[in-house]
Amino acid sequence: MTEVVPACPPGAATPAEYVAVLRRLRERSGLTYRETARRATAAGHWLPPSTLAAALARVTLPQERVVLALLAACGTPDAEVRSWLAARNEIEMRLAEAVRPHGPPPASHRPEGPVAARRAGSRPLGGTAGVLVACAVGALAGAAGALALRRRGGPGGPACVAGCHGHG
């Protein structure tokens, strides 16, 4: 039978501590990763065993949906689920505050001009989005280069014939 761990203790102040408490919850439930996944699915959540295992092996804050699915699989009452999520979200907010710059940059570090002013409000793309944009730009640049070579009769392109493109 599933043993429910009390609401997330206030001592879980870091992502690693929070994950450790989640890990204990799963261990005390007596459920295997597969059983946990089946129960999560029965409760209306999607939680593959590999996703759960990976989340509990890390020391970073798991996604909210993973926490919800695990808690549902373990039979955690709604009031305690709210407490677990509140603790998770508080840790997430503290982490965000720690990396957020405080106040505007000094005038000596501010960009100048209309282009810089337009860019000042935008954020650079990071993570997967940044990689995808970089790949797309690289692919377009490569395709444009290949097209230019073909038009000039470069490698793999047709030989330039008299009168083509005005030279010849």
C-alpha atoms as a PDB file:
ATOM      1  CA  MET A   1       0.000   0.000   0.000  1.00  0.00           C
ATOM      2  CA  THR A   2       1.144   3.545  -0.652  1.00  0.00           C
ATOM      3  CA  GLU A   3       2.516   5.457   2.332  1.00  0.00           C
ATOM      4  CA  VAL A   4       2.203   9.187   1.886  1.00  0.00           C
ATOM      5  CA  VAL A   5       4.989  11.440   3.128  1.00  0.00           C
ATOM      6  CA  PRO A   6       3.706  14.560   4.894  1.00  0.00           C
ATOM      7  CA  ALA A   7       3.619  17.876   3.054  1.00  0.00           C
ATOM      8  CA  CYS A   8       6.958  19.086   1.758  1.00  0.00           C
ATOM      9  CA  PRO A   9       9.012  20.114   4.784  1.00  0.00           C
ATOM     10  CA  PRO A  10      10.038  23.749   5.078  1.00  0.00           C
ATOM     11  CA  GLY A  11      13.652  22.524   5.257  1.00  0.00           C
ATOM     12  CA  ALA A  12      13.724  21.846   1.500  1.00  0.00           C
ATOM     13  CA  ALA A  13      15.228  25.173   0.503  1.00  0.00           C
ATOM     14  CA  THR A  14      17.315  24.130  -2.500  1.00  0.00           C
ATOM     15  CA  PRO A  15      16.538  22.141  -5.633  1.00  0.00           C
ATOM     16  CA  ALA A  16      18.765  19.300  -4.385  1.00  0.00           C
ATOM     17  CA  GLU A  17      16.918  19.134  -1.051  1.00  0.00           C
ATOM     18  CA  TYR A  18      13.551  19.231  -2.802  1.00  0.00           C
ATOM     19  CA  VAL A  19      14.545  16.378  -5.129  1.00  0.00           C
ATOM     20  CA  ALA A  20      15.835  14.383  -2.157  1.00  0.00           C
ATOM     21  CA  VAL A  21      12.428  14.682  -0.453  1.00  0.00           C
ATOM     22  CA  LEU A  22      10.693  13.647  -3.704  1.00  0.00           C
ATOM     23  CA  ARG A  23      13.046  10.686  -3.963  1.00  0.00           C
ATOM     24  CA  ARG A  24      12.136   9.629  -0.399  1.00  0.00           C
ATOM     25  CA  LEU A  25       8.446   9.984  -1.259  1.00  0.00           C
ATOM     26  CA  ARG A  26       8.807   7.569  -4.163  1.00  0.00           C
ATOM     27  CA  GLU A  27      10.942   5.153  -2.148  1.00  0.00           C
ATOM     28  CA  ARG A  28       8.482   5.137   0.783  1.00  0.00           C
ATOM     29  CA  SER A  29       5.598   4.531  -1.588  1.00  0.00           C
ATOM     30  CA  GLY A  30       7.130   1.156  -2.417  1.00  0.00           C
ATOM     31  CA  LEU A  31       6.295   1.713  -6.088  1.00  0.00           C
ATOM     32  CA  THR A  32       8.715   0.904  -8.881  1.00  0.00           C
ATOM     33  CA  TYR A  33       9.268   3.494 -11.583  1.00  0.00           C
ATOM     34  CA  ARG A  34       6.944   1.534 -13.907  1.00  0.00           C
ATOM     35  CA  GLU A  35       4.231   1.257 -11.253  1.00  0.00           C
ATOM     36  CA  THR A  36       4.547   4.965 -10.534  1.00  0.00           C
ATOM     37  CA  ALA A  37       4.174   5.712 -14.249  1.00  0.00           C
ATOM     38  CA  ARG A  38       1.061   3.495 -14.490  1.00  0.00           C
ATOM     39  CA  ARG A  39      -0.539   5.160 -11.472  1.00  0.00           C
ATOM     40  CA  ALA A  40       0.292   8.624 -12.817  1.00  0.00           C
ATOM     41  CA  THR A  41      -1.350   7.698 -16.129  1.00  0.00           C
ATOM     42  CA  ALA A  42      -4.412   6.370 -14.298  1.00  0.00           C
ATOM     43  CA  ALA A  43      -4.610   9.722 -12.468  1.00  0.00           C
ATOM     44  CA  GLY A  44      -4.533  11.606 -15.790  1.00  0.00           C
ATOM     45  CA  HIS A  45      -0.840  12.505 -15.935  1.00  0.00           C
ATOM     46  CA  TRP A  46       1.927  11.539 -18.350  1.00  0.00           C
ATOM     47  CA  LEU A  47       5.092  10.368 -16.626  1.00  0.00           C
ATOM     48  CA  PRO A  48       7.331   7.824 -18.370  1.00  0.00           C
ATOM     49  CA  PRO A  49       9.503   5.804 -15.976  1.00  0.00           C
ATOM     50  CA  SER A  50      12.656   7.167 -17.630  1.00  0.00           C
ATOM     51  CA  THR A  51      11.521  10.768 -17.096  1.00  0.00           C
ATOM     52  CA  LEU A  52      10.855  10.115 -13.421  1.00  0.00           C
ATOM     53  CA  ALA A  53      14.163   8.291 -12.943  1.00  0.00           C
ATOM     54  CA  ALA A  54      16.067  11.132 -14.626  1.00  0.00           C
ATOM     55  CA  ALA A  55      14.283  13.815 -12.575  1.00  0.00           C
ATOM     56  CA  LEU A  56      15.008  12.024  -9.295  1.00  0.00           C
ATOM     57  CA  ALA A  57      18.659  11.393 -10.208  1.00  0.00           C
ATOM     58  CA  ARG A  58      19.391  15.091 -10.691  1.00  0.00           C
ATOM     59  CA  VAL A  59      19.891  17.897  -8.213  1.00  0.00           C
ATOM     60  CA  THR A  60      18.016  20.455 -10.314  1.00  0.00           C
ATOM     61  CA  LEU A  61      14.402  21.437  -9.749  1.00  0.00           C
ATOM     62  CA  PRO A  62      12.068  19.095 -11.638  1.00  0.00           C
ATOM     63  CA  GLN A  63       9.319  20.444 -13.857  1.00  0.00           C
ATOM     64  CA  GLU A  64       6.021  21.083 -12.123  1.00  0.00           C
ATOM     65  CA  ARG A  65       4.245  18.488 -14.266  1.00  0.00           C
ATOM     66  CA  VAL A  66       6.683  15.789 -13.090  1.00  0.00           C
ATOM     67  CA  VAL A  67       6.061  16.718  -9.444  1.00  0.00           C
ATOM     68  CA  LEU A  68       2.291  16.684  -9.982  1.00  0.00           C
ATOM     69  CA  ALA A  69       2.381  13.285 -11.669  1.00  0.00           C
ATOM     70  CA  LEU A  70       4.558  11.748  -8.939  1.00  0.00           C
ATOM     71  CA  LEU A  71       2.381  13.145  -6.174  1.00  0.00           C
ATOM     72  CA  ALA A  72      -0.769  11.865  -7.893  1.00  0.00           C
ATOM     73  CA  ALA A  73       0.779   8.421  -8.364  1.00  0.00           C
ATOM     74  CA  CYS A  74       1.659   8.295  -4.663  1.00  0.00           C
ATOM     75  CA  GLY A  75      -1.874   9.264  -3.627  1.00  0.00           C
ATOM     76  CA  THR A  76      -0.938  12.600  -2.094  1.00  0.00           C
ATOM     77  CA  PRO A  77      -4.019  14.550  -0.890  1.00  0.00           C
ATOM     78  CA  ASP A  78      -4.806  17.817  -2.700  1.00  0.00           C
ATOM     79  CA  ALA A  79      -3.942  20.024   0.291  1.00  0.00           C
ATOM     80  CA  GLU A  80      -0.482  18.473   0.454  1.00  0.00           C
ATOM     81  CA  VAL A  81      -0.048  18.749  -3.331  1.00  0.00           C
ATOM     82  CA  ARG A  82      -0.607  22.497  -3.009  1.00  0.00           C
ATOM     83  CA  SER A  83       2.042  22.611  -0.282  1.00  0.00           C
ATOM     84  CA  TRP A  84       4.543  20.671  -2.442  1.00  0.00           C
ATOM     85  CA  LEU A  85       3.930  22.972  -5.398  1.00  0.00           C
ATOM     86  CA  ALA A  86       4.187  26.096  -3.237  1.00  0.00           C
ATOM     87  CA  ALA A  87       7.567  24.905  -1.927  1.00  0.00           C
ATOM     88  CA  ARG A  88       8.740  24.102  -5.479  1.00  0.00           C
ATOM     89  CA  ASN A  89       7.606  27.467  -6.836  1.00  0.00           C
ATOM     90  CA  GLU A  90       9.235  29.328  -3.946  1.00  0.00           C
ATOM     91  CA  ILE A  91      12.564  27.640  -4.686  1.00  0.00           C
ATOM     92  CA  GLU A  92      12.147  28.461  -8.384  1.00  0.00           C
ATOM     93  CA  MET A  93      11.408  32.126  -7.604  1.00  0.00           C
ATOM     94  CA  ARG A  94      14.464  32.387  -5.326  1.00  0.00           C
ATOM     95  CA  LEU A  95      16.640  30.936  -8.082  1.00  0.00           C
ATOM     96  CA  ALA A  96      15.223  33.405 -10.607  1.00  0.00           C
ATOM     97  CA  GLU A  97      15.829  36.317  -8.214  1.00  0.00           C
ATOM     98  CA  ALA A  98      19.420  35.222  -7.692  1.00  0.00           C
ATOM     99  CA  VAL A  99      20.226  35.395 -11.422  1.00  0.00           C
ATOM    100  CA  ARG A 100      18.147  38.469 -12.256  1.00  0.00           C
ATOM    101  CA  PRO A 101      20.201  41.666 -12.533  1.00  0.00           C
ATOM    102  CA  HIS A 102      19.271  44.248  -9.924  1.00  0.00           C
ATOM    103  CA  GLY A 103      18.472  47.645 -11.408  1.00  0.00           C
ATOM    104  CA  PRO A 104      19.475  49.141 -14.759  1.00  0.00           C
ATOM    105  CA  PRO A 105      23.102  48.880 -15.903  1.00  0.00           C
ATOM    106  CA  PRO A 106      25.352  51.886 -15.313  1.00  0.00           C
ATOM    107  CA  ALA A 107      25.225  54.550 -18.052  1.00  0.00           C
ATOM    108  CA  SER A 108      28.725  53.581 -19.153  1.00  0.00           C
ATOM    109  CA  HIS A 109      27.455  50.085 -19.990  1.00  0.00           C
ATOM    110  CA  ARG A 110      24.302  51.109 -21.812  1.00  0.00           C
ATOM    111  CA  PRO A 111      24.233  50.738 -25.603  1.00  0.00           C
ATOM    112  CA  GLU A 112      23.642  53.883 -27.625  1.00  0.00           C
ATOM    113  CA  GLY A 113      21.737  54.635 -30.817  1.00  0.00           C
ATOM    114  CA  PRO A 114      18.384  53.512 -32.269  1.00  0.00           C
ATOM    115  CA  VAL A 115      19.435  49.912 -33.000  1.00  0.00           C
ATOM    116  CA  ALA A 116      20.873  49.469 -29.510  1.00  0.00           C
ATOM    117  CA  ALA A 117      17.739  51.024 -27.989  1.00  0.00           C
ATOM    118  CA  ARG A 118      15.588  48.555 -29.898  1.00  0.00           C
ATOM    119  CA  ARG A 119      17.780  45.648 -28.769  1.00  0.00           C
ATOM    120  CA  ALA A 120      17.908  46.787 -25.151  1.00  0.00           C
ATOM    121  CA  GLY A 121      14.440  45.389 -24.466  1.00  0.00           C
ATOM    122  CA  SER A 122      15.051  42.049 -26.148  1.00  0.00           C
ATOM    123  CA  ARG A 123      16.618  38.962 -24.644  1.00  0.00           C
ATOM    124  CA  PRO A 124      19.136  36.792 -26.439  1.00  0.00           C
ATOM    125  CA  LEU A 125      17.830  33.388 -27.356  1.00  0.00           C
ATOM    126  CA  GLY A 126      19.238  30.648 -25.213  1.00  0.00           C
ATOM    127  CA  GLY A 127      18.910  26.909 -24.889  1.00  0.00           C
ATOM    128  CA  THR A 128      17.091  25.013 -27.602  1.00  0.00           C
ATOM    129  CA  ALA A 129      15.669  28.152 -29.239  1.00  0.00           C
ATOM    130  CA  GLY A 130      19.134  29.645 -29.653  1.00  0.00           C
ATOM    131  CA  VAL A 131      20.499  26.441 -31.144  1.00  0.00           C
ATOM    132  CA  LEU A 132      17.579  26.166 -33.570  1.00  0.00           C
ATOM    133  CA  VAL A 133      17.987  29.755 -34.747  1.00  0.00           C
ATOM    134  CA  ALA A 134      21.745  29.291 -35.168  1.00  0.00           C
ATOM    135  CA  CYS A 135      21.164  26.096 -37.165  1.00  0.00           C
ATOM    136  CA  ALA A 136      18.563  27.777 -39.370  1.00  0.00           C
ATOM    137  CA  VAL A 137      20.833  30.760 -40.046  1.00  0.00           C
ATOM    138  CA  GLY A 138      23.729  28.417 -40.822  1.00  0.00           C
ATOM    139  CA  ALA A 139      21.607  26.332 -43.183  1.00  0.00           C
ATOM    140  CA  LEU A 140      20.355  29.424 -45.024  1.00  0.00           C
ATOM    141  CA  ALA A 141      23.869  30.822 -45.320  1.00  0.00           C
ATOM    142  CA  GLY A 142      25.124  27.485 -46.655  1.00  0.00           C
ATOM    143  CA  ALA A 143      22.308  27.266 -49.184  1.00  0.00           C
ATOM    144  CA  ALA A 144      22.923  30.840 -50.349  1.00  0.00           C
ATOM    145  CA  GLY A 145      26.634  30.110 -50.749  1.00  0.00           C
ATOM    146  CA  ALA A 146      25.959  26.951 -52.741  1.00  0.00           C
ATOM    147  CA  LEU A 147      23.528  28.815 -55.003  1.00  0.00           C
ATOM    148  CA  ALA A 148      26.076  31.565 -55.618  1.00  0.00           C
ATOM    149  CA  LEU A 149      28.727  28.996 -56.553  1.00  0.00           C
ATOM    150  CA  ARG A 150      26.356  27.275 -58.983  1.00  0.00           C
ATOM    151  CA  ARG A 151      25.502  30.582 -60.660  1.00  0.00           C
ATOM    152  CA  ARG A 152      29.189  31.399 -61.096  1.00  0.00           C
ATOM    153  CA  GLY A 153      30.009  27.955 -62.426  1.00  0.00           C
ATOM    154  CA  GLY A 154      31.846  26.999 -59.229  1.00  0.00           C
ATOM    155  CA  PRO A 155      32.172  23.484 -57.817  1.00  0.00           C
ATOM    156  CA  GLY A 156      29.232  21.350 -58.867  1.00  0.00           C
ATOM    157  CA  GLY A 157      27.688  24.140 -60.928  1.00  0.00           C
ATOM    158  CA  PRO A 158      27.212  24.324 -64.681  1.00  0.00           C
ATOM    159  CA  ALA A 159      30.084  25.775 -66.655  1.00  0.00           C
ATOM    160  CA  CYS A 160      29.535  29.341 -67.669  1.00  0.00           C
ATOM    161  CA  VAL A 161      28.736  29.677 -71.365  1.00  0.00           C
ATOM    162  CA  ALA A 162      29.351  32.672 -73.586  1.00  0.00           C
ATOM    163  CA  GLY A 163      26.851  35.400 -72.917  1.00  0.00           C
ATOM    164  CA  CYS A 164      25.679  34.015 -69.566  1.00  0.00           C
ATOM    165  CA  HIS A 165      25.320  36.631 -66.828  1.00  0.00           C
ATOM    166  CA  GLY A 166      26.871  39.242 -69.069  1.00  0.00           C
ATOM    167  CA  HIS A 167      30.419  37.882 -69.021  1.00  0.00           C
ATOM    168  CA  GLY A 168      31.933  35.470 -71.232  1.00  0.00           C
END
